[in-house]
Amino acid sequence: MKSLLPLVIFILTIGTSHAQHTDTAHLYSTTTNAMDDIAKATAQAKKEHKFVFIMAGGNWCSWCLRFNKFMTEDTQIDSLVKANFIVYHLNYSKENYNLPVFAKYGFPQRFGFPVFVVLDGDGHQIHTQNSGYLEENKGYNKEKVMDFFASWTPNALDPKNYVNPM
């Protein structure tokens, strides 16, 4: 019996550790008014000279939770995102499909989930990203994710960066 005790403790520890890393049951809200929330995120982005990064999906979506974990646990990606974006998790689930919001942004759910929508500080949609292009094996490719975020920062779209000095 003593020999089984360490094995049981090990299994419980692994299970608990895994649950802590994947427990994001409240990442996407099924009850908030997404239109109002995005308007607030846009106002904050304008004030802070950032863009809005909308990550559409749901608490049911393992790839959505996986991307959020990937994005927030990698210090380089997390820093890039925090410096340039206000992040909003747009829910799509049987509890609340947020169809008016998805219609406003051209039905990005057609690409599957998660799907990303980038808004400028005035709330204009400037990009929709199929997250499948950022995947690698059973996760995401860091270089592709970094390139995606870097390509859609306010600085990357600032016309001053493309003026011919001649």
Protein backbone atom coordinates (compact mmCIF):
# COMPACT_ATOMS: atom_id res chain seq x y z
CA MET A 1 0.00 0.00 0.00
CA LYS A 2 2.86 2.39 0.82
CA SER A 3 4.26 1.94 -2.68
CA LEU A 4 0.98 3.14 -4.21
CA LEU A 5 0.80 6.34 -2.18
CA PRO A 6 3.58 8.16 -4.10
CA LEU A 7 1.97 7.14 -7.40
CA VAL A 8 -1.43 8.46 -6.31
CA ILE A 9 0.11 11.74 -5.12
CA PHE A 10 2.00 12.08 -8.41
CA ILE A 11 -1.18 11.52 -10.49
CA LEU A 12 -3.16 14.01 -8.41
CA THR A 13 -0.37 16.58 -8.69
CA ILE A 14 -0.19 16.22 -12.48
CA GLY A 15 -3.97 16.48 -12.79
CA THR A 16 -4.14 19.56 -10.59
CA SER A 17 -1.21 21.20 -12.35
CA HIS A 18 -2.82 20.61 -15.75
CA ALA A 19 -6.14 22.00 -14.53
CA GLN A 20 -4.49 25.20 -13.30
CA HIS A 21 -2.93 25.86 -16.71
CA THR A 22 -6.08 25.21 -18.73
CA ASP A 23 -8.81 26.51 -16.43
CA THR A 24 -9.94 29.61 -18.29
CA ALA A 25 -13.65 28.95 -17.96
CA HIS A 26 -14.43 32.65 -17.71
CA LEU A 27 -12.17 33.98 -20.46
CA TYR A 28 -15.20 34.66 -22.67
CA SER A 29 -18.26 36.28 -21.11
CA THR A 30 -21.63 35.00 -22.27
CA THR A 31 -23.57 37.77 -20.51
CA THR A 32 -21.88 41.10 -21.26
CA ASN A 33 -22.92 43.44 -24.07
CA ALA A 34 -20.15 42.89 -26.62
CA MET A 35 -20.99 46.02 -28.64
CA ASP A 36 -20.63 48.18 -25.52
CA ASP A 37 -17.48 46.36 -24.41
CA ILE A 38 -15.83 46.80 -27.82
CA ALA A 39 -16.78 50.50 -27.83
CA LYS A 40 -15.08 50.87 -24.43
CA ALA A 41 -12.02 48.94 -25.63
CA THR A 42 -11.85 51.17 -28.71
CA ALA A 43 -12.05 54.35 -26.61
CA GLN A 44 -9.27 53.04 -24.36
CA ALA A 45 -7.18 52.08 -27.41
CA LYS A 46 -7.57 55.54 -28.93
CA LYS A 47 -6.59 57.19 -25.64
CA GLU A 48 -3.52 54.95 -25.31
CA HIS A 49 -2.58 55.11 -29.03
CA LYS A 50 -3.16 51.38 -29.45
CA PHE A 51 -5.35 49.09 -31.55
CA VAL A 52 -8.02 46.63 -30.41
CA PHE A 53 -7.29 42.93 -30.78
CA ILE A 54 -10.54 40.96 -30.77
CA MET A 55 -10.08 37.27 -30.14
CA ALA A 56 -13.37 35.66 -31.12
CA GLY A 57 -14.21 32.22 -29.81
CA GLY A 58 -15.59 30.71 -26.66
CA ASN A 59 -14.84 28.92 -23.44
CA TRP A 60 -15.77 25.69 -25.26
CA CYS A 61 -12.96 26.18 -27.82
CA SER A 62 -9.73 24.38 -26.90
CA TRP A 63 -7.76 26.21 -29.63
CA CYS A 64 -9.02 29.57 -28.27
CA LEU A 65 -7.85 28.73 -24.77
CA ARG A 66 -4.59 27.37 -26.16
CA PHE A 67 -3.90 30.58 -28.10
CA ASN A 68 -4.67 32.77 -25.09
CA LYS A 69 -2.29 30.70 -22.96
CA PHE A 70 0.38 30.82 -25.67
CA MET A 71 -0.01 34.57 -26.09
CA THR A 72 0.06 35.44 -22.39
CA GLU A 73 2.72 32.99 -21.19
CA ASP A 74 5.35 33.89 -23.79
CA THR A 75 7.00 37.07 -22.47
CA GLN A 76 7.94 38.44 -25.91
CA ILE A 77 4.45 37.99 -27.35
CA ASP A 78 2.81 39.24 -24.16
CA SER A 79 4.97 42.39 -24.16
CA LEU A 80 4.25 43.06 -27.84
CA VAL A 81 0.52 42.66 -27.31
CA LYS A 82 0.38 44.77 -24.13
CA ALA A 83 2.38 47.57 -25.77
CA ASN A 84 0.16 47.79 -28.85
CA PHE A 85 -3.30 46.33 -28.24
CA ILE A 86 -6.31 46.35 -25.99
CA VAL A 87 -7.44 42.72 -25.96
CA TYR A 88 -11.11 41.76 -26.04
CA HIS A 89 -12.46 38.19 -25.99
CA LEU A 90 -15.62 38.11 -28.13
CA ASN A 91 -17.87 35.23 -27.17
CA TYR A 92 -19.50 32.89 -29.68
CA SER A 93 -21.48 30.13 -27.99
CA LYS A 94 -24.95 28.66 -27.70
CA GLU A 95 -25.51 30.98 -24.71
CA ASN A 96 -24.74 34.08 -26.79
CA TYR A 97 -23.73 34.04 -30.45
CA ASN A 98 -23.28 37.85 -30.59
CA LEU A 99 -24.55 37.74 -34.18
CA PRO A 100 -24.91 41.53 -34.61
CA VAL A 101 -21.25 41.97 -33.65
CA PHE A 102 -20.06 39.20 -35.94
CA ALA A 103 -22.17 40.67 -38.76
CA LYS A 104 -20.63 44.10 -38.19
CA TYR A 105 -17.16 42.63 -38.72
CA GLY A 106 -18.01 40.65 -41.86
CA PHE A 107 -18.82 37.27 -40.27
CA PRO A 108 -15.26 36.33 -39.28
CA GLN A 109 -16.55 33.09 -37.75
CA ARG A 110 -16.45 31.70 -41.30
CA PHE A 111 -12.74 31.04 -40.64
CA GLY A 112 -13.39 28.93 -37.55
CA PHE A 113 -12.19 29.67 -34.04
CA PRO A 114 -10.31 31.40 -32.74
CA VAL A 115 -10.48 34.15 -35.29
CA PHE A 116 -8.87 37.53 -34.79
CA VAL A 117 -10.17 40.97 -35.73
CA VAL A 118 -8.01 44.08 -35.44
CA LEU A 119 -9.61 47.51 -35.05
CA ASP A 120 -7.83 50.85 -35.14
CA GLY A 121 -8.34 53.47 -32.44
CA ASP A 122 -11.41 54.79 -34.26
CA GLY A 123 -13.04 51.36 -34.30
CA HIS A 124 -12.45 50.71 -37.99
CA GLN A 125 -11.80 47.09 -38.85
CA ILE A 126 -8.37 46.87 -40.43
CA HIS A 127 -7.74 43.13 -40.48
CA THR A 128 -9.28 39.72 -39.94
CA GLN A 129 -6.91 36.82 -39.29
CA ASN A 130 -7.60 33.13 -39.73
CA SER A 131 -5.68 31.68 -36.77
CA GLY A 132 -5.08 28.44 -38.67
CA TYR A 133 -2.25 30.20 -40.52
CA LEU A 134 -0.47 30.68 -37.19
CA GLU A 135 -0.71 27.05 -36.09
CA GLU A 136 2.06 24.50 -35.93
CA ASN A 137 1.43 20.89 -34.95
CA LYS A 138 -0.82 21.02 -31.86
CA GLY A 139 0.04 24.59 -30.99
CA TYR A 140 1.11 27.91 -32.49
CA ASN A 141 4.29 29.02 -34.23
CA LYS A 142 5.96 31.79 -32.24
CA GLU A 143 7.60 33.43 -35.27
CA LYS A 144 4.29 33.56 -37.17
CA VAL A 145 2.42 34.92 -34.15
CA MET A 146 5.06 37.59 -33.52
CA ASP A 147 4.99 38.56 -37.20
CA PHE A 148 1.19 38.77 -37.17
CA PHE A 149 1.12 41.08 -34.16
CA ALA A 150 4.06 43.19 -35.35
CA SER A 151 2.41 43.64 -38.77
CA TRP A 152 -0.76 45.11 -37.26
CA THR A 153 0.59 47.51 -34.63
CA PRO A 154 -0.17 51.24 -34.84
CA ASN A 155 3.49 51.84 -35.69
CA ALA A 156 3.41 49.33 -38.55
CA LEU A 157 0.47 51.18 -40.11
CA ASP A 158 1.75 54.71 -39.47
CA PRO A 159 2.16 56.42 -42.88
CA LYS A 160 5.16 58.37 -41.54
CA ASN A 161 7.12 55.12 -41.61
CA TYR A 162 6.64 54.84 -45.35
CA VAL A 163 7.35 58.37 -46.56
CA ASN A 164 10.10 58.54 -49.14
CA PRO A 165 12.78 60.89 -47.72
CA MET A 166 13.97 61.96 -51.19
